[in-house]
Amino acid sequence: MDAQPDRIAQSITRITKLVFPQDTNPIGTLYGGTALQWMDEVAFLTATRFARCQVVTVSMDRVDFKVPIPQGAIVELIGEVTRVGRTSATVRVQIMLENARSGEQKLAIEGHLAMVAVDDDMEPIPVDPGARLA
């Protein structure tokens, strides 16, 4: 039986943040660099929970900024493994802008990050824990 779908489901990561003034640019919306930092953090947590070993970011593919995120907004970052290779996993990270009154969410930012499992010498290792034990 393939446990990978269960591992993917168990590794989904959700973090809720409030956008503070120091997170925003002069026009009062979330800095793109801050959004990328948050996305990298969620991708790291998601991939670590999936692989159960040290991972590093190797690339960020196509990050789409769909709607501005204003100061004071509540956002939820959601990370989910979407592809698994021998030593890597791709994590889709979405930043959802939440309406504080209704709870309705809309997609504000989305990107895909490639994470690679590494050993203590920073050499790639299998992302599948079973393959590392064999």
C-alpha atoms as a PDB file:
ATOM      1  CA  MET A   1       0.000   0.000   0.000  1.00  0.00           C
ATOM      2  CA  ASP A   2       1.346   3.418  -0.969  1.00  0.00           C
ATOM      3  CA  ALA A   3       1.588   5.708   2.062  1.00  0.00           C
ATOM      4  CA  GLN A   4       2.572   8.748  -0.005  1.00  0.00           C
ATOM      5  CA  PRO A   5      -0.965  10.235  -0.248  1.00  0.00           C
ATOM      6  CA  ASP A   6      -1.286   9.937   3.533  1.00  0.00           C
ATOM      7  CA  ARG A   7       2.118  11.587   4.034  1.00  0.00           C
ATOM      8  CA  ILE A   8       1.095  14.410   1.690  1.00  0.00           C
ATOM      9  CA  ALA A   9      -2.177  14.952   3.552  1.00  0.00           C
ATOM     10  CA  GLN A  10      -0.428  14.890   6.942  1.00  0.00           C
ATOM     11  CA  SER A  11       2.198  17.397   5.819  1.00  0.00           C
ATOM     12  CA  ILE A  12      -0.243  20.126   4.735  1.00  0.00           C
ATOM     13  CA  THR A  13       0.760  23.231   6.655  1.00  0.00           C
ATOM     14  CA  ARG A  14      -1.431  26.208   7.532  1.00  0.00           C
ATOM     15  CA  ILE A  15      -0.186  29.383   9.181  1.00  0.00           C
ATOM     16  CA  THR A  16      -2.296  32.452   9.890  1.00  0.00           C
ATOM     17  CA  LYS A  17      -0.677  35.882  10.021  1.00  0.00           C
ATOM     18  CA  LEU A  18      -1.706  39.465  10.538  1.00  0.00           C
ATOM     19  CA  VAL A  19      -0.145  42.017   8.179  1.00  0.00           C
ATOM     20  CA  PHE A  20       1.547  44.616  10.409  1.00  0.00           C
ATOM     21  CA  PRO A  21       2.748  48.091   9.321  1.00  0.00           C
ATOM     22  CA  GLN A  22       6.387  46.893   9.198  1.00  0.00           C
ATOM     23  CA  ASP A  23       5.313  44.244   6.637  1.00  0.00           C
ATOM     24  CA  THR A  24       4.026  46.839   4.177  1.00  0.00           C
ATOM     25  CA  ASN A  25       5.407  49.147   1.529  1.00  0.00           C
ATOM     26  CA  PRO A  26       4.783  52.929   1.284  1.00  0.00           C
ATOM     27  CA  ILE A  27       1.352  52.357  -0.284  1.00  0.00           C
ATOM     28  CA  GLY A  28       0.236  50.170   2.616  1.00  0.00           C
ATOM     29  CA  THR A  29       0.289  46.735   0.976  1.00  0.00           C
ATOM     30  CA  LEU A  30       2.330  43.653   1.846  1.00  0.00           C
ATOM     31  CA  TYR A  31       5.920  43.804   0.579  1.00  0.00           C
ATOM     32  CA  GLY A  32       6.523  41.166  -2.087  1.00  0.00           C
ATOM     33  CA  GLY A  33       9.757  40.165  -0.362  1.00  0.00           C
ATOM     34  CA  THR A  34       7.953  39.590   2.918  1.00  0.00           C
ATOM     35  CA  ALA A  35       5.393  37.418   1.129  1.00  0.00           C
ATOM     36  CA  LEU A  36       8.215  35.388  -0.442  1.00  0.00           C
ATOM     37  CA  GLN A  37       9.882  34.940   2.957  1.00  0.00           C
ATOM     38  CA  TRP A  38       6.616  33.682   4.463  1.00  0.00           C
ATOM     39  CA  MET A  39       6.111  31.333   1.507  1.00  0.00           C
ATOM     40  CA  ASP A  40       9.627  29.918   1.880  1.00  0.00           C
ATOM     41  CA  GLU A  41       8.997  29.278   5.581  1.00  0.00           C
ATOM     42  CA  VAL A  42       5.731  27.427   4.881  1.00  0.00           C
ATOM     43  CA  ALA A  43       7.333  25.409   2.060  1.00  0.00           C
ATOM     44  CA  PHE A  44      10.185  24.435   4.394  1.00  0.00           C
ATOM     45  CA  LEU A  45       7.769  23.311   7.111  1.00  0.00           C
ATOM     46  CA  THR A  46       5.598  21.386   4.640  1.00  0.00           C
ATOM     47  CA  ALA A  47       8.534  19.609   2.994  1.00  0.00           C
ATOM     48  CA  THR A  48      10.131  18.809   6.358  1.00  0.00           C
ATOM     49  CA  ARG A  49       6.884  17.323   7.643  1.00  0.00           C
ATOM     50  CA  PHE A  50       6.649  15.265   4.440  1.00  0.00           C
ATOM     51  CA  ALA A  51      10.256  14.059   4.229  1.00  0.00           C
ATOM     52  CA  ARG A  52      11.093  14.021   7.966  1.00  0.00           C
ATOM     53  CA  CYS A  53      14.619  15.241   7.315  1.00  0.00           C
ATOM     54  CA  GLN A  54      16.492  18.455   6.591  1.00  0.00           C
ATOM     55  CA  VAL A  55      15.396  20.197   3.399  1.00  0.00           C
ATOM     56  CA  VAL A  56      16.611  23.259   1.532  1.00  0.00           C
ATOM     57  CA  THR A  57      14.971  25.503  -1.037  1.00  0.00           C
ATOM     58  CA  VAL A  58      16.439  25.130  -4.518  1.00  0.00           C
ATOM     59  CA  SER A  59      13.997  27.138  -6.582  1.00  0.00           C
ATOM     60  CA  MET A  60      10.845  29.189  -6.557  1.00  0.00           C
ATOM     61  CA  ASP A  61       8.755  28.850  -9.706  1.00  0.00           C
ATOM     62  CA  ARG A  62       6.303  31.407 -10.972  1.00  0.00           C
ATOM     63  CA  VAL A  63       4.938  33.364  -8.063  1.00  0.00           C
ATOM     64  CA  ASP A  64       1.708  35.096  -9.030  1.00  0.00           C
ATOM     65  CA  PHE A  65       0.589  38.169  -7.084  1.00  0.00           C
ATOM     66  CA  LYS A  66      -3.139  38.235  -7.834  1.00  0.00           C
ATOM     67  CA  VAL A  67      -4.544  40.846  -5.427  1.00  0.00           C
ATOM     68  CA  PRO A  68      -2.859  43.332  -3.074  1.00  0.00           C
ATOM     69  CA  ILE A  69      -2.847  42.501   0.634  1.00  0.00           C
ATOM     70  CA  PRO A  70      -3.470  45.587   2.774  1.00  0.00           C
ATOM     71  CA  GLN A  71      -2.024  46.430   6.173  1.00  0.00           C
ATOM     72  CA  GLY A  72      -4.192  44.945   8.920  1.00  0.00           C
ATOM     73  CA  ALA A  73      -5.332  42.015   6.788  1.00  0.00           C
ATOM     74  CA  ILE A  74      -5.561  38.467   8.053  1.00  0.00           C
ATOM     75  CA  VAL A  75      -3.873  36.006   5.715  1.00  0.00           C
ATOM     76  CA  GLU A  76      -3.596  32.238   5.755  1.00  0.00           C
ATOM     77  CA  LEU A  77      -0.629  30.535   4.138  1.00  0.00           C
ATOM     78  CA  ILE A  78      -1.260  26.979   2.975  1.00  0.00           C
ATOM     79  CA  GLY A  79       1.527  24.637   1.886  1.00  0.00           C
ATOM     80  CA  GLU A  80       0.909  21.324   0.137  1.00  0.00           C
ATOM     81  CA  VAL A  81       3.258  18.880  -1.580  1.00  0.00           C
ATOM     82  CA  THR A  82       2.229  18.638  -5.242  1.00  0.00           C
ATOM     83  CA  ARG A  83       5.079  16.587  -6.734  1.00  0.00           C
ATOM     84  CA  VAL A  84       7.598  14.143  -5.342  1.00  0.00           C
ATOM     85  CA  GLY A  85      10.867  13.249  -7.018  1.00  0.00           C
ATOM     86  CA  ARG A  86      13.725  11.074  -5.812  1.00  0.00           C
ATOM     87  CA  THR A  87      15.419  13.783  -3.727  1.00  0.00           C
ATOM     88  CA  SER A  88      12.960  16.650  -4.057  1.00  0.00           C
ATOM     89  CA  ALA A  89       9.406  17.690  -3.394  1.00  0.00           C
ATOM     90  CA  THR A  90       7.530  20.574  -4.946  1.00  0.00           C
ATOM     91  CA  VAL A  91       5.361  22.536  -2.540  1.00  0.00           C
ATOM     92  CA  ARG A  92       2.540  24.789  -3.676  1.00  0.00           C
ATOM     93  CA  VAL A  93       2.103  27.701  -1.294  1.00  0.00           C
ATOM     94  CA  GLN A  94      -1.007  29.840  -1.418  1.00  0.00           C
ATOM     95  CA  ILE A  95      -1.576  33.036   0.525  1.00  0.00           C
ATOM     96  CA  MET A  96      -5.269  33.507   1.110  1.00  0.00           C
ATOM     97  CA  LEU A  97      -6.636  36.958   1.955  1.00  0.00           C
ATOM     98  CA  GLU A  98      -9.370  36.602   4.557  1.00  0.00           C
ATOM     99  CA  ASN A  99     -12.352  38.873   5.092  1.00  0.00           C
ATOM    100  CA  ALA A 100     -12.285  39.348   8.880  1.00  0.00           C
ATOM    101  CA  ARG A 101     -16.057  39.789   9.093  1.00  0.00           C
ATOM    102  CA  SER A 102     -17.329  36.988   6.860  1.00  0.00           C
ATOM    103  CA  GLY A 103     -14.365  34.594   6.990  1.00  0.00           C
ATOM    104  CA  GLU A 104     -14.459  34.369   3.196  1.00  0.00           C
ATOM    105  CA  GLN A 105     -11.057  33.838   1.626  1.00  0.00           C
ATOM    106  CA  LYS A 106      -9.672  34.637  -1.804  1.00  0.00           C
ATOM    107  CA  LEU A 107      -6.397  33.655  -3.373  1.00  0.00           C
ATOM    108  CA  ALA A 108      -3.956  36.568  -3.202  1.00  0.00           C
ATOM    109  CA  ILE A 109      -0.568  34.968  -3.989  1.00  0.00           C
ATOM    110  CA  GLU A 110       0.469  31.529  -5.236  1.00  0.00           C
ATOM    111  CA  GLY A 111       3.823  29.948  -6.003  1.00  0.00           C
ATOM    112  CA  HIS A 112       5.641  26.638  -6.240  1.00  0.00           C
ATOM    113  CA  LEU A 113       8.888  25.952  -4.398  1.00  0.00           C
ATOM    114  CA  ALA A 114      11.235  23.046  -5.039  1.00  0.00           C
ATOM    115  CA  MET A 115      12.683  21.626  -1.842  1.00  0.00           C
ATOM    116  CA  VAL A 116      15.533  19.086  -1.743  1.00  0.00           C
ATOM    117  CA  ALA A 117      16.243  16.656   1.089  1.00  0.00           C
ATOM    118  CA  VAL A 118      19.872  16.849   2.244  1.00  0.00           C
ATOM    119  CA  ASP A 119      22.184  15.082   4.669  1.00  0.00           C
ATOM    120  CA  ASP A 120      24.588  16.676   7.158  1.00  0.00           C
ATOM    121  CA  ASP A 121      27.062  17.367   4.329  1.00  0.00           C
ATOM    122  CA  MET A 122      24.346  19.150   2.314  1.00  0.00           C
ATOM    123  CA  GLU A 123      24.303  16.325  -0.241  1.00  0.00           C
ATOM    124  CA  PRO A 124      20.931  15.321  -1.712  1.00  0.00           C
ATOM    125  CA  ILE A 125      19.309  12.229  -0.200  1.00  0.00           C
ATOM    126  CA  PRO A 126      16.070  10.387  -1.001  1.00  0.00           C
ATOM    127  CA  VAL A 127      13.019  12.376   0.043  1.00  0.00           C
ATOM    128  CA  ASP A 128      11.223   9.119   0.923  1.00  0.00           C
ATOM    129  CA  PRO A 129      12.023   8.067   4.516  1.00  0.00           C
ATOM    130  CA  GLY A 130      11.597   4.384   3.507  1.00  0.00           C
ATOM    131  CA  ALA A 131      14.293   4.740   0.832  1.00  0.00           C
ATOM    132  CA  ARG A 132      16.722   6.187   3.397  1.00  0.00           C
ATOM    133  CA  LEU A 133      16.200   3.226   5.727  1.00  0.00           C
ATOM    134  CA  ALA A 134      16.727   0.579   3.039  1.00  0.00           C
END
